[in-house]
Amino acid sequence: MTEASLWQSGAPSVSARGPGSGANLADILERVLDKGVVIAGDIQINLLDIELLTIKLRLLVASVDKAKEMGIDWWEHDPSLSSRAPKPVESRDLAAENRELRDRIAALEAGKETS
């Protein structure tokens, strides 16, 4: 199998030597980010036919736009990666939330008594 036949769309082969290799590498990187690549593998450690450890590895390499097209946007909801993500419970003003909940309970109880 030749290098050129490895690429489905007939892209030119990439050589690490040669003056145009930077442009070819950039083209390949652009194609990978545009289309996306999935790399999957499993590692199992057995001792005397007893499974001790299984590690399942899944890696997706794609651009942010392509990931969003596929419905992957976990980084937008992770507070450590995005300032727009909701804050974790520990960082909220728990005293204010507690007061608000007590007021709501009082209002509900007052509504029951008048019924």
N, C-alpha and C. Protein backbone atom coordinates (compact mmCIF):
# COMPACT_ATOMS: atom_id res chain seq x y z
N MET A 1 0.86 -1.17 0.00
CA MET A 1 0.00 0.00 0.00
C MET A 1 0.90 1.23 0.00
N THR A 2 0.66 2.15 -0.88
CA THR A 2 1.49 3.35 -0.96
C THR A 2 0.97 4.41 -0.01
N GLU A 3 1.81 5.42 0.26
CA GLU A 3 1.39 6.48 1.16
C GLU A 3 0.19 7.23 0.61
N ALA A 4 0.16 7.46 -0.69
CA ALA A 4 -0.94 8.21 -1.30
C ALA A 4 -2.26 7.46 -1.15
N SER A 5 -2.21 6.11 -1.13
CA SER A 5 -3.46 5.36 -1.02
C SER A 5 -3.98 5.33 0.41
N LEU A 6 -3.18 5.76 1.38
CA LEU A 6 -3.65 5.81 2.75
C LEU A 6 -4.68 6.90 2.95
N TRP A 7 -4.64 7.93 2.15
CA TRP A 7 -5.57 9.05 2.30
C TRP A 7 -6.75 8.83 1.36
N GLN A 8 -7.94 8.82 1.91
CA GLN A 8 -9.15 8.54 1.15
C GLN A 8 -9.37 9.52 0.01
N SER A 9 -9.06 10.80 0.25
CA SER A 9 -9.39 11.81 -0.75
C SER A 9 -8.26 12.03 -1.74
N GLY A 10 -7.22 11.23 -1.68
CA GLY A 10 -6.14 11.37 -2.64
C GLY A 10 -5.20 12.53 -2.34
N ALA A 11 -5.08 12.91 -1.07
CA ALA A 11 -4.17 13.99 -0.71
C ALA A 11 -2.74 13.54 -0.94
N PRO A 12 -1.84 14.45 -1.25
CA PRO A 12 -0.46 14.07 -1.48
C PRO A 12 0.16 13.50 -0.22
N SER A 13 1.13 12.60 -0.40
CA SER A 13 1.77 11.99 0.75
C SER A 13 2.64 13.00 1.46
N VAL A 14 2.86 12.75 2.74
CA VAL A 14 3.64 13.67 3.57
C VAL A 14 5.02 13.08 3.76
N SER A 15 6.01 13.87 3.50
CA SER A 15 7.39 13.47 3.73
C SER A 15 7.97 14.37 4.80
N ALA A 16 8.70 13.80 5.74
CA ALA A 16 9.29 14.61 6.81
C ALA A 16 10.44 15.45 6.28
N ARG A 17 10.99 15.08 5.14
CA ARG A 17 12.13 15.83 4.56
C ARG A 17 11.62 16.73 3.48
N GLY A 18 11.98 17.38 2.75
CA GLY A 18 11.41 18.15 1.64
C GLY A 18 10.97 19.53 2.05
N PRO A 19 11.08 20.46 1.15
CA PRO A 19 10.79 21.85 1.47
C PRO A 19 9.33 22.14 1.72
N GLY A 20 8.40 21.39 1.14
CA GLY A 20 6.97 21.68 1.29
C GLY A 20 6.32 20.90 2.40
N SER A 21 7.10 20.24 3.26
CA SER A 21 6.50 19.38 4.28
C SER A 21 5.70 20.19 5.30
N GLY A 22 6.09 21.43 5.57
CA GLY A 22 5.33 22.26 6.51
C GLY A 22 3.94 22.54 5.99
N ALA A 23 3.82 22.83 4.72
CA ALA A 23 2.52 23.09 4.12
C ALA A 23 1.69 21.82 4.10
N ASN A 24 2.29 20.69 3.79
CA ASN A 24 1.56 19.43 3.77
C ASN A 24 1.08 19.07 5.17
N LEU A 25 1.93 19.28 6.17
CA LEU A 25 1.54 18.99 7.54
C LEU A 25 0.39 19.89 7.98
N ALA A 26 0.44 21.15 7.60
CA ALA A 26 -0.65 22.08 7.92
C ALA A 26 -1.94 21.64 7.25
N ASP A 27 -1.86 21.17 6.01
CA ASP A 27 -3.05 20.69 5.30
C ASP A 27 -3.65 19.48 6.00
N ILE A 28 -2.78 18.58 6.44
CA ILE A 28 -3.26 17.37 7.12
C ILE A 28 -3.89 17.74 8.46
N LEU A 29 -3.25 18.63 9.20
CA LEU A 29 -3.81 19.07 10.48
C LEU A 29 -5.16 19.73 10.28
N GLU A 30 -5.28 20.57 9.26
CA GLU A 30 -6.56 21.22 8.97
C GLU A 30 -7.62 20.19 8.63
N ARG A 31 -7.27 19.18 7.86
CA ARG A 31 -8.22 18.13 7.48
C ARG A 31 -8.65 17.32 8.69
N VAL A 32 -7.69 16.99 9.57
CA VAL A 32 -8.02 16.21 10.77
C VAL A 32 -8.95 17.00 11.67
N LEU A 33 -8.67 18.28 11.87
CA LEU A 33 -9.52 19.09 12.74
C LEU A 33 -10.89 19.32 12.11
N ASP A 34 -10.95 19.41 10.79
CA ASP A 34 -12.22 19.62 10.10
C ASP A 34 -13.10 18.37 10.14
N LYS A 35 -12.52 17.22 9.91
CA LYS A 35 -13.30 15.98 9.84
C LYS A 35 -13.38 15.29 11.20
N GLY A 36 -12.30 15.35 11.98
CA GLY A 36 -12.26 14.66 13.26
C GLY A 36 -11.65 13.28 13.12
N VAL A 37 -10.98 12.83 14.16
CA VAL A 37 -10.36 11.52 14.18
C VAL A 37 -10.67 10.89 15.53
N VAL A 38 -11.04 9.62 15.52
CA VAL A 38 -11.30 8.88 16.76
C VAL A 38 -10.24 7.81 16.89
N ILE A 39 -9.61 7.77 18.05
CA ILE A 39 -8.62 6.74 18.34
C ILE A 39 -9.15 5.98 19.55
N ALA A 40 -9.27 4.67 19.42
CA ALA A 40 -9.84 3.86 20.50
C ALA A 40 -8.93 2.68 20.78
N GLY A 41 -8.84 2.32 22.04
CA GLY A 41 -8.04 1.16 22.41
C GLY A 41 -8.40 0.67 23.79
N ASP A 42 -8.20 -0.61 24.03
CA ASP A 42 -8.48 -1.21 25.31
C ASP A 42 -7.22 -1.91 25.82
N ILE A 43 -6.98 -1.80 27.10
CA ILE A 43 -5.85 -2.48 27.73
C ILE A 43 -6.43 -3.37 28.82
N GLN A 44 -6.08 -4.64 28.79
CA GLN A 44 -6.54 -5.57 29.82
C GLN A 44 -5.34 -6.23 30.46
N ILE A 45 -5.38 -6.33 31.78
CA ILE A 45 -4.33 -7.04 32.52
C ILE A 45 -5.00 -8.22 33.21
N ASN A 46 -4.55 -9.42 32.83
CA ASN A 46 -5.11 -10.65 33.38
C ASN A 46 -4.02 -11.42 34.10
N LEU A 47 -4.40 -12.11 35.16
CA LEU A 47 -3.50 -13.00 35.87
C LEU A 47 -4.23 -14.32 36.08
N LEU A 48 -3.72 -15.37 35.45
CA LEU A 48 -4.34 -16.69 35.53
C LEU A 48 -5.82 -16.64 35.14
N ASP A 49 -6.11 -16.03 34.01
CA ASP A 49 -7.47 -15.88 33.48
C ASP A 49 -8.40 -15.10 34.40
N ILE A 50 -7.84 -14.29 35.30
CA ILE A 50 -8.64 -13.42 36.15
C ILE A 50 -8.34 -11.99 35.71
N GLU A 51 -9.38 -11.30 35.32
CA GLU A 51 -9.20 -9.93 34.86
C GLU A 51 -8.95 -9.02 36.05
N LEU A 52 -7.76 -8.43 36.08
CA LEU A 52 -7.40 -7.54 37.18
C LEU A 52 -7.71 -6.09 36.88
N LEU A 53 -7.51 -5.71 35.62
CA LEU A 53 -7.65 -4.30 35.27
C LEU A 53 -8.03 -4.19 33.80
N THR A 54 -8.99 -3.32 33.53
CA THR A 54 -9.34 -3.00 32.14
C THR A 54 -9.37 -1.49 32.02
N ILE A 55 -8.66 -0.99 31.04
CA ILE A 55 -8.63 0.45 30.76
C ILE A 55 -9.14 0.64 29.35
N LYS A 56 -10.19 1.42 29.20
CA LYS A 56 -10.74 1.72 27.89
C LYS A 56 -10.36 3.15 27.53
N LEU A 57 -9.63 3.32 26.47
CA LEU A 57 -9.18 4.63 26.03
C LEU A 57 -9.94 5.05 24.79
N ARG A 58 -10.47 6.26 24.81
CA ARG A 58 -11.15 6.84 23.66
C ARG A 58 -10.64 8.27 23.51
N LEU A 59 -10.18 8.61 22.33
CA LEU A 59 -9.65 9.94 22.08
C LEU A 59 -10.29 10.48 20.81
N LEU A 60 -10.84 11.67 20.90
CA LEU A 60 -11.42 12.35 19.75
C LEU A 60 -10.62 13.61 19.50
N VAL A 61 -10.10 13.76 18.30
CA VAL A 61 -9.37 14.96 17.92
C VAL A 61 -10.21 15.66 16.86
N ALA A 62 -10.68 16.86 17.17
CA ALA A 62 -11.51 17.62 16.23
C ALA A 62 -11.47 19.08 16.62
N SER A 63 -11.89 19.92 15.72
CA SER A 63 -11.98 21.34 16.03
C SER A 63 -13.18 21.59 16.95
N VAL A 64 -13.20 22.73 17.59
CA VAL A 64 -14.30 23.08 18.47
C VAL A 64 -15.61 23.12 17.69
N ASP A 65 -15.59 23.69 16.49
CA ASP A 65 -16.81 23.77 15.68
C ASP A 65 -17.32 22.39 15.32
N LYS A 66 -16.42 21.49 14.93
CA LYS A 66 -16.83 20.13 14.58
C LYS A 66 -17.37 19.40 15.81
N ALA A 67 -16.73 19.58 16.96
CA ALA A 67 -17.20 18.94 18.19
C ALA A 67 -18.61 19.43 18.53
N LYS A 68 -18.86 20.74 18.38
CA LYS A 68 -20.19 21.27 18.66
C LYS A 68 -21.23 20.70 17.69
N GLU A 69 -20.84 20.50 16.42
CA GLU A 69 -21.75 19.88 15.45
C GLU A 69 -22.14 18.47 15.91
N MET A 70 -21.20 17.77 16.55
CA MET A 70 -21.46 16.41 17.02
C MET A 70 -22.16 16.39 18.38
N GLY A 71 -22.40 17.57 18.96
CA GLY A 71 -23.10 17.64 20.24
C GLY A 71 -22.18 17.53 21.44
N ILE A 72 -20.89 17.75 21.23
CA ILE A 72 -19.92 17.68 22.32
C ILE A 72 -19.56 19.10 22.72
N ASP A 73 -19.94 19.49 23.94
CA ASP A 73 -19.63 20.83 24.41
C ASP A 73 -19.43 20.87 25.93
N TRP A 74 -18.86 19.80 26.48
CA TRP A 74 -18.69 19.69 27.91
C TRP A 74 -17.84 20.80 28.50
N TRP A 75 -16.92 21.36 27.75
CA TRP A 75 -16.04 22.41 28.28
C TRP A 75 -16.80 23.70 28.56
N GLU A 76 -17.96 23.89 27.94
CA GLU A 76 -18.75 25.08 28.20
C GLU A 76 -19.48 25.02 29.53
N HIS A 77 -19.64 23.81 30.08
CA HIS A 77 -20.38 23.62 31.32
C HIS A 77 -19.45 23.28 32.49
N ASP A 78 -18.15 23.24 32.26
CA ASP A 78 -17.19 22.93 33.31
C ASP A 78 -16.70 24.23 33.94
N PRO A 79 -16.98 24.46 35.22
CA PRO A 79 -16.62 25.72 35.86
C PRO A 79 -15.11 26.01 35.85
N SER A 80 -14.29 24.97 35.81
CA SER A 80 -12.85 25.21 35.79
C SER A 80 -12.34 25.60 34.41
N LEU A 81 -13.18 25.44 33.37
CA LEU A 81 -12.75 25.76 32.01
C LEU A 81 -13.49 26.95 31.41
N SER A 82 -14.62 27.33 31.99
CA SER A 82 -15.42 28.40 31.40
C SER A 82 -15.96 29.30 32.49
N SER A 83 -15.87 30.60 32.25
CA SER A 83 -16.42 31.54 33.23
C SER A 83 -17.94 31.63 33.12
N ARG A 84 -18.50 31.13 32.01
CA ARG A 84 -19.96 31.16 31.83
C ARG A 84 -20.66 29.96 32.45
N ALA A 85 -19.88 28.97 32.89
CA ALA A 85 -20.46 27.76 33.47
C ALA A 85 -21.02 28.07 34.86
N PRO A 86 -22.06 27.35 35.27
CA PRO A 86 -22.59 27.58 36.62
C PRO A 86 -21.54 27.23 37.66
N LYS A 87 -21.53 28.00 38.72
CA LYS A 87 -20.55 27.79 39.79
C LYS A 87 -20.93 26.56 40.59
N PRO A 88 -19.94 25.85 41.13
CA PRO A 88 -20.25 24.70 41.97
C PRO A 88 -20.93 25.16 43.27
N VAL A 89 -21.62 24.24 43.92
CA VAL A 89 -22.39 24.56 45.13
C VAL A 89 -21.51 25.21 46.18
N GLU A 90 -20.26 24.78 46.33
CA GLU A 90 -19.39 25.29 47.38
C GLU A 90 -19.15 26.79 47.22
N SER A 91 -19.14 27.31 46.00
CA SER A 91 -18.79 28.71 45.80
C SER A 91 -20.00 29.64 45.81
N ARG A 92 -21.20 29.11 45.90
CA ARG A 92 -22.39 29.96 45.97
C ARG A 92 -22.51 30.56 47.36
N ASP A 93 -23.29 31.60 47.46
CA ASP A 93 -23.56 32.19 48.77
C ASP A 93 -24.64 31.34 49.43
N LEU A 94 -24.23 30.38 50.23
CA LEU A 94 -25.16 29.43 50.83
C LEU A 94 -26.10 30.10 51.83
N ALA A 95 -25.63 31.12 52.51
CA ALA A 95 -26.49 31.81 53.48
C ALA A 95 -27.65 32.48 52.76
N ALA A 96 -27.38 33.14 51.64
CA ALA A 96 -28.44 33.80 50.88
C ALA A 96 -29.41 32.76 50.31
N GLU A 97 -28.88 31.65 49.83
CA GLU A 97 -29.74 30.60 49.30
C GLU A 97 -30.61 30.01 50.40
N ASN A 98 -30.04 29.86 51.59
CA ASN A 98 -30.78 29.34 52.73
C ASN A 98 -31.92 30.28 53.12
N ARG A 99 -31.63 31.59 53.17
CA ARG A 99 -32.68 32.58 53.49
C ARG A 99 -33.81 32.52 52.45
N GLU A 100 -33.42 32.43 51.18
CA GLU A 100 -34.43 32.39 50.11
C GLU A 100 -35.33 31.16 50.26
N LEU A 101 -34.74 30.03 50.56
CA LEU A 101 -35.52 28.80 50.72
C LEU A 101 -36.44 28.88 51.95
N ARG A 102 -35.95 29.46 53.04
CA ARG A 102 -36.79 29.62 54.23
C ARG A 102 -37.98 30.54 53.94
N ASP A 103 -37.74 31.61 53.19
CA ASP A 103 -38.83 32.52 52.82
C ASP A 103 -39.88 31.81 51.97
N ARG A 104 -39.41 30.98 51.04
CA ARG A 104 -40.34 30.24 50.17
C ARG A 104 -41.16 29.24 50.99
N ILE A 105 -40.51 28.57 51.96
CA ILE A 105 -41.23 27.62 52.81
C ILE A 105 -42.27 28.35 53.65
N ALA A 106 -41.87 29.51 54.18
CA ALA A 106 -42.82 30.29 54.99
C ALA A 106 -44.01 30.72 54.15
N ALA A 107 -43.77 31.14 52.91
CA ALA A 107 -44.86 31.56 52.05
C ALA A 107 -45.78 30.38 51.71
N LEU A 108 -45.21 29.22 51.49
CA LEU A 108 -46.04 28.02 51.21
C LEU A 108 -46.85 27.64 52.43
N GLU A 109 -46.25 27.68 53.61
CA GLU A 109 -46.98 27.33 54.82
C GLU A 109 -48.09 28.34 55.11
N ALA A 110 -47.84 29.59 54.85
CA ALA A 110 -48.87 30.62 55.06
C ALA A 110 -50.02 30.41 54.09
N GLY A 111 -49.74 29.96 52.91
CA GLY A 111 -50.79 29.68 51.92
C GLY A 111 -51.65 28.51 52.31
N LYS A 112 -51.07 27.51 52.96
CA LYS A 112 -51.82 26.33 53.40
C LYS A 112 -52.76 26.67 54.55
N GLU A 113 -52.32 27.52 55.46
CA GLU A 113 -53.13 27.86 56.63
C GLU A 113 -54.38 28.62 56.24
N THR A 114 -54.31 29.44 55.18
CA THR A 114 -55.47 30.23 54.79
C THR A 114 -56.44 29.42 53.95
N SER A 115 -56.03 28.26 53.47
CA SER A 115 -56.92 27.47 52.60
C SER A 115 -57.98 26.77 53.36
